[in-house]
Amino acid sequence: MSMPRKAMQELGFQACCVWCDAPDDSSSKRCGPCIQHHRGVREALAAGPPDDPFFQLGKEIMAMAADPHHYDHDEVHGPVLRELQRRAGSMVDAPSPSTTASINEIFEQQKMRKKVNVLQDIGNQNPWKEQPLDAKKAASIGETTWKLDDSDIDEHYGRRTIPSRPIDPVNRDERLGEDTALTDRVHAAASQSDAVDEETAEIFEAIEFKRRQEQRQELKRALDDVKKMVDDDLDF
């Protein structure tokens, strides 16, 4: 049984390392081809159609292996996932037992830690916190601060705008900042900042981008259904 390699953890296949019978050596020759093979599996899953049942099953099994504690209640895979957690736990050193001295040290460190209160710190910078301004001084400061010249006043300020002709709706997809595909791709790339290598990051980025796009499509379909229901009610 070997400690999971970081590359395998990034790919979501660390369970293979836990069941591997190779020596627990990071420079083992068996690790390289194994990691490369699982990269190919990950790429195949990322490139597969999102609604294909076979690829959906592969992604679900991979998710179970990556986070077994979230799925160990599964009737079919639960026993294996619990065994996976047992094996992984046996490879981690048990924490040292707490003593009275270590507990007292934690309490002392908490006492020495300064609590930050942003609002209170800002309030302490107020030069008049101890003695408020008198009414005349406060009125003078207000007049100086909010004094407006005639050039600063717009003659149309406060008036309601009544368009003389219908305003065409704007296609939000063509506006800057409304490119949802670009936004999803940026978020997908940012979520892989801790990836081991560029190839692994690209695989995860593709999967995350597809997931975000699918969620947008589901939301759009739901909104369209709601709009149809509202329109049907208005017809009556």
Protein backbone atom coordinates (compact mmCIF):
# COMPACT_ATOMS: atom_id res chain seq x y z
CA MET A 1 0.00 0.00 0.00
CA SER A 2 1.44 3.37 -1.06
CA MET A 3 0.85 6.94 -0.01
CA PRO A 4 -1.22 8.71 -2.69
CA ARG A 5 0.90 10.65 -5.16
CA LYS A 6 0.04 14.34 -5.51
CA ALA A 7 -0.58 13.99 -9.25
CA MET A 8 -3.06 11.18 -8.59
CA GLN A 9 -4.81 13.30 -5.98
CA GLU A 10 -5.17 16.11 -8.50
CA LEU A 11 -6.64 13.67 -11.01
CA GLY A 12 -9.06 12.26 -8.43
CA PHE A 13 -7.61 8.75 -8.55
CA GLN A 14 -5.76 8.63 -5.22
CA ALA A 15 -7.74 5.50 -4.31
CA CYS A 16 -5.60 3.56 -6.82
CA CYS A 17 -2.48 4.40 -4.80
CA VAL A 18 -4.09 3.17 -1.57
CA TRP A 19 -4.73 -0.24 -3.19
CA CYS A 20 -1.42 -0.33 -5.10
CA ASP A 21 1.09 -3.03 -4.11
CA ALA A 22 4.10 -1.06 -5.36
CA PRO A 23 6.75 0.07 -2.84
CA ASP A 24 5.96 3.37 -1.18
CA ASP A 25 8.63 5.23 -3.13
CA SER A 26 7.88 8.48 -4.96
CA SER A 27 10.54 7.67 -7.57
CA SER A 28 9.07 4.28 -8.41
CA LYS A 29 9.04 3.53 -12.15
CA ARG A 30 5.49 2.20 -11.88
CA CYS A 31 4.10 5.61 -10.88
CA GLY A 32 4.87 7.42 -14.15
CA PRO A 33 2.95 5.14 -16.56
CA CYS A 34 0.09 4.81 -14.05
CA ILE A 35 -0.30 8.59 -13.75
CA GLN A 36 -0.15 8.98 -17.53
CA HIS A 37 -2.81 6.29 -18.01
CA HIS A 38 -5.17 7.96 -15.55
CA ARG A 39 -4.59 11.29 -17.26
CA GLY A 40 -5.88 9.67 -20.43
CA VAL A 41 -8.96 8.45 -18.56
CA ARG A 42 -9.55 11.95 -17.20
CA GLU A 43 -9.19 13.49 -20.66
CA ALA A 44 -11.65 10.95 -22.09
CA LEU A 45 -14.20 11.82 -19.40
CA ALA A 46 -13.72 15.55 -20.00
CA ALA A 47 -14.15 15.18 -23.76
CA GLY A 48 -17.19 12.90 -23.54
CA PRO A 49 -20.74 14.15 -24.12
CA PRO A 50 -22.14 15.53 -20.85
CA ASP A 51 -25.50 13.76 -21.22
CA ASP A 52 -24.11 10.32 -22.12
CA PRO A 53 -25.04 7.76 -19.38
CA PHE A 54 -21.71 5.94 -19.66
CA PHE A 55 -19.64 9.09 -19.12
CA GLN A 56 -21.98 10.23 -16.35
CA LEU A 57 -21.37 6.91 -14.55
CA GLY A 58 -17.61 7.34 -14.94
CA LYS A 59 -17.74 10.83 -13.46
CA GLU A 60 -19.89 9.66 -10.55
CA ILE A 61 -17.52 6.81 -9.70
CA MET A 62 -14.55 9.17 -9.93
CA ALA A 63 -16.31 11.64 -7.61
CA MET A 64 -16.93 8.82 -5.11
CA ALA A 65 -13.26 7.80 -5.17
CA ALA A 66 -12.10 11.41 -4.74
CA ASP A 67 -14.43 12.15 -1.77
CA PRO A 68 -15.36 8.77 -0.25
CA HIS A 69 -16.67 10.27 3.01
CA HIS A 70 -19.45 12.01 1.07
CA TYR A 71 -20.69 8.81 -0.56
CA ASP A 72 -19.95 6.01 1.94
CA HIS A 73 -23.69 5.62 2.58
CA ASP A 74 -24.16 4.29 -0.98
CA GLU A 75 -25.77 0.84 -0.94
CA VAL A 76 -23.55 -0.54 -3.73
CA HIS A 77 -20.20 1.23 -3.29
CA GLY A 78 -20.44 2.07 0.44
CA PRO A 79 -18.38 -0.90 1.75
CA VAL A 80 -15.50 -0.22 -0.64
CA LEU A 81 -15.55 3.51 0.12
CA ARG A 82 -15.44 2.85 3.86
CA GLU A 83 -12.51 0.48 3.33
CA LEU A 84 -10.79 3.19 1.31
CA GLN A 85 -11.13 5.61 4.23
CA ARG A 86 -9.85 2.99 6.68
CA ARG A 87 -6.76 2.34 4.57
CA ALA A 88 -6.10 6.04 4.07
CA GLY A 89 -6.51 6.67 7.81
CA SER A 90 -4.05 3.93 8.70
CA MET A 91 -1.36 5.76 6.71
CA VAL A 92 -1.69 8.96 8.73
CA ASP A 93 0.18 9.28 12.01
CA ALA A 94 -2.11 9.56 15.02
CA PRO A 95 -2.03 12.99 16.69
CA SER A 96 -0.10 13.24 19.93
CA PRO A 97 -2.34 13.17 23.02
CA SER A 98 -3.13 16.50 24.63
CA THR A 99 -1.53 17.34 27.96
CA THR A 100 -2.32 19.95 30.59
CA ALA A 101 0.74 21.94 29.54
CA SER A 102 -0.23 21.99 25.85
CA ILE A 103 -3.79 23.07 26.68
CA ASN A 104 -2.56 25.87 28.95
CA GLU A 105 -0.21 27.01 26.20
CA ILE A 106 -3.13 27.28 23.76
CA PHE A 107 -5.10 29.38 26.25
CA GLU A 108 -2.12 31.72 26.78
CA GLN A 109 -1.71 32.18 23.03
CA GLN A 110 -5.39 33.06 22.70
CA LYS A 111 -5.09 35.64 25.48
CA MET A 112 -2.13 37.32 23.77
CA ARG A 113 -3.92 37.47 20.42
CA LYS A 114 -5.34 40.91 19.74
CA LYS A 115 -8.97 40.97 18.67
CA VAL A 116 -9.60 43.15 15.62
CA ASN A 117 -12.70 45.34 15.52
CA VAL A 118 -12.66 47.44 12.34
CA LEU A 119 -15.62 49.65 13.30
CA GLN A 120 -14.20 50.37 16.73
CA ASP A 121 -10.76 51.17 15.30
CA ILE A 122 -12.31 53.64 12.84
CA GLY A 123 -14.39 55.20 15.60
CA ASN A 124 -11.30 55.69 17.76
CA GLN A 125 -9.82 57.86 15.00
CA ASN A 126 -12.66 60.38 15.35
CA PRO A 127 -11.16 63.56 16.90
CA TRP A 128 -14.54 64.42 18.46
CA LYS A 129 -15.28 61.01 20.04
CA GLU A 130 -14.78 62.37 23.57
CA GLN A 131 -16.44 65.75 23.07
CA PRO A 132 -19.05 66.24 20.29
CA LEU A 133 -19.04 69.39 18.18
CA ASP A 134 -21.33 72.21 19.15
CA ALA A 135 -24.26 72.96 16.82
CA LYS A 136 -22.71 76.01 15.15
CA LYS A 137 -19.44 74.28 14.35
CA ALA A 138 -21.26 71.22 12.99
CA ALA A 139 -23.50 73.41 10.81
CA SER A 140 -20.47 75.28 9.47
CA ILE A 141 -18.70 72.06 8.52
CA GLY A 142 -21.86 70.78 6.80
CA GLU A 143 -22.29 73.95 4.75
CA THR A 144 -18.64 73.89 3.67
CA THR A 145 -18.71 70.19 2.76
CA TRP A 146 -21.96 70.10 0.80
CA LYS A 147 -21.95 73.58 -0.74
CA LEU A 148 -22.92 73.49 -4.44
CA ASP A 149 -22.25 76.07 -7.11
CA ASP A 150 -24.88 76.93 -9.69
CA SER A 151 -22.78 75.14 -12.31
CA ASP A 152 -23.09 71.90 -10.32
CA ILE A 153 -26.89 71.86 -10.51
CA ASP A 154 -28.46 70.16 -13.53
CA GLU A 155 -31.69 71.79 -14.68
CA HIS A 156 -33.08 68.33 -15.54
CA TYR A 157 -32.21 66.82 -12.16
CA GLY A 158 -35.20 65.06 -10.60
CA ARG A 159 -37.35 65.10 -13.73
CA ARG A 160 -38.84 61.93 -15.11
CA THR A 161 -37.58 60.75 -18.48
CA ILE A 162 -40.41 60.06 -20.94
CA PRO A 163 -39.12 58.49 -24.16
CA SER A 164 -40.66 59.82 -27.35
CA ARG A 165 -40.38 56.46 -29.08
CA PRO A 166 -40.10 52.81 -28.03
CA ILE A 167 -36.67 51.73 -26.84
CA ASP A 168 -35.38 48.56 -28.46
CA PRO A 169 -34.22 45.90 -26.03
CA VAL A 170 -30.47 45.50 -25.73
CA ASN A 171 -28.81 42.16 -26.46
CA ARG A 172 -26.92 41.69 -23.22
CA ASP A 173 -24.72 38.97 -24.73
CA GLU A 174 -23.01 41.59 -26.91
CA ARG A 175 -22.20 43.91 -24.04
CA LEU A 176 -18.81 43.98 -22.33
CA GLY A 177 -18.91 42.05 -19.09
CA GLU A 178 -21.86 39.91 -20.22
CA ASP A 179 -19.85 37.17 -21.94
CA THR A 180 -20.95 34.31 -19.73
CA ALA A 181 -18.81 31.75 -21.56
CA LEU A 182 -15.70 33.83 -20.93
CA THR A 183 -16.70 34.35 -17.31
CA ASP A 184 -17.16 30.61 -16.76
CA ARG A 185 -13.84 29.86 -18.42
CA VAL A 186 -12.03 32.39 -16.22
CA HIS A 187 -13.58 30.93 -13.07
CA ALA A 188 -12.76 27.41 -14.22
CA ALA A 189 -9.12 28.36 -14.82
CA ALA A 190 -8.88 30.13 -11.46
CA SER A 191 -10.17 27.05 -9.65
CA GLN A 192 -7.16 25.06 -10.90
CA SER A 193 -4.44 27.38 -9.58
CA ASP A 194 -3.08 24.61 -7.32
CA ALA A 195 -2.81 21.95 -10.03
CA VAL A 196 0.37 19.93 -10.22
CA ASP A 197 1.05 20.57 -13.89
CA GLU A 198 -0.45 22.38 -16.86
CA GLU A 199 -1.95 19.26 -18.43
CA THR A 200 -3.79 18.31 -15.24
CA ALA A 201 -5.03 21.88 -14.86
CA GLU A 202 -6.43 21.85 -18.40
CA ILE A 203 -8.36 18.62 -17.73
CA PHE A 204 -9.94 19.97 -14.56
CA GLU A 205 -10.58 23.33 -16.20
CA ALA A 206 -12.48 21.68 -19.06
CA ILE A 207 -14.63 19.68 -16.66
CA GLU A 208 -15.37 22.72 -14.48
CA PHE A 209 -16.19 24.86 -17.54
CA LYS A 210 -18.65 22.25 -18.84
CA ARG A 211 -20.25 21.97 -15.42
CA ARG A 212 -20.80 25.74 -15.23
CA GLN A 213 -22.19 25.87 -18.77
CA GLU A 214 -24.60 23.00 -18.01
CA GLN A 215 -25.82 24.81 -14.91
CA ARG A 216 -26.47 27.94 -16.95
CA GLN A 217 -28.42 25.97 -19.52
CA GLU A 218 -30.51 24.30 -16.81
CA LEU A 219 -31.24 27.69 -15.25
CA LYS A 220 -32.17 29.15 -18.63
CA ARG A 221 -34.56 26.26 -19.33
CA ALA A 222 -36.14 26.68 -15.90
CA LEU A 223 -36.62 30.43 -16.47
CA ASP A 224 -38.10 29.78 -19.90
CA ASP A 225 -40.56 27.30 -18.37
CA VAL A 226 -41.58 29.83 -15.73
CA LYS A 227 -42.04 32.51 -18.40
CA LYS A 228 -44.26 30.18 -20.46
CA MET A 229 -46.38 29.43 -17.40
CA VAL A 230 -46.80 33.13 -16.66
CA ASP A 231 -47.65 33.90 -20.27
CA ASP A 232 -50.24 31.10 -20.33
CA ASP A 233 -51.89 32.50 -17.20
CA LEU A 234 -52.00 35.97 -18.71
CA ASP A 235 -53.74 34.61 -21.82
CA PHE A 236 -56.69 33.60 -19.68
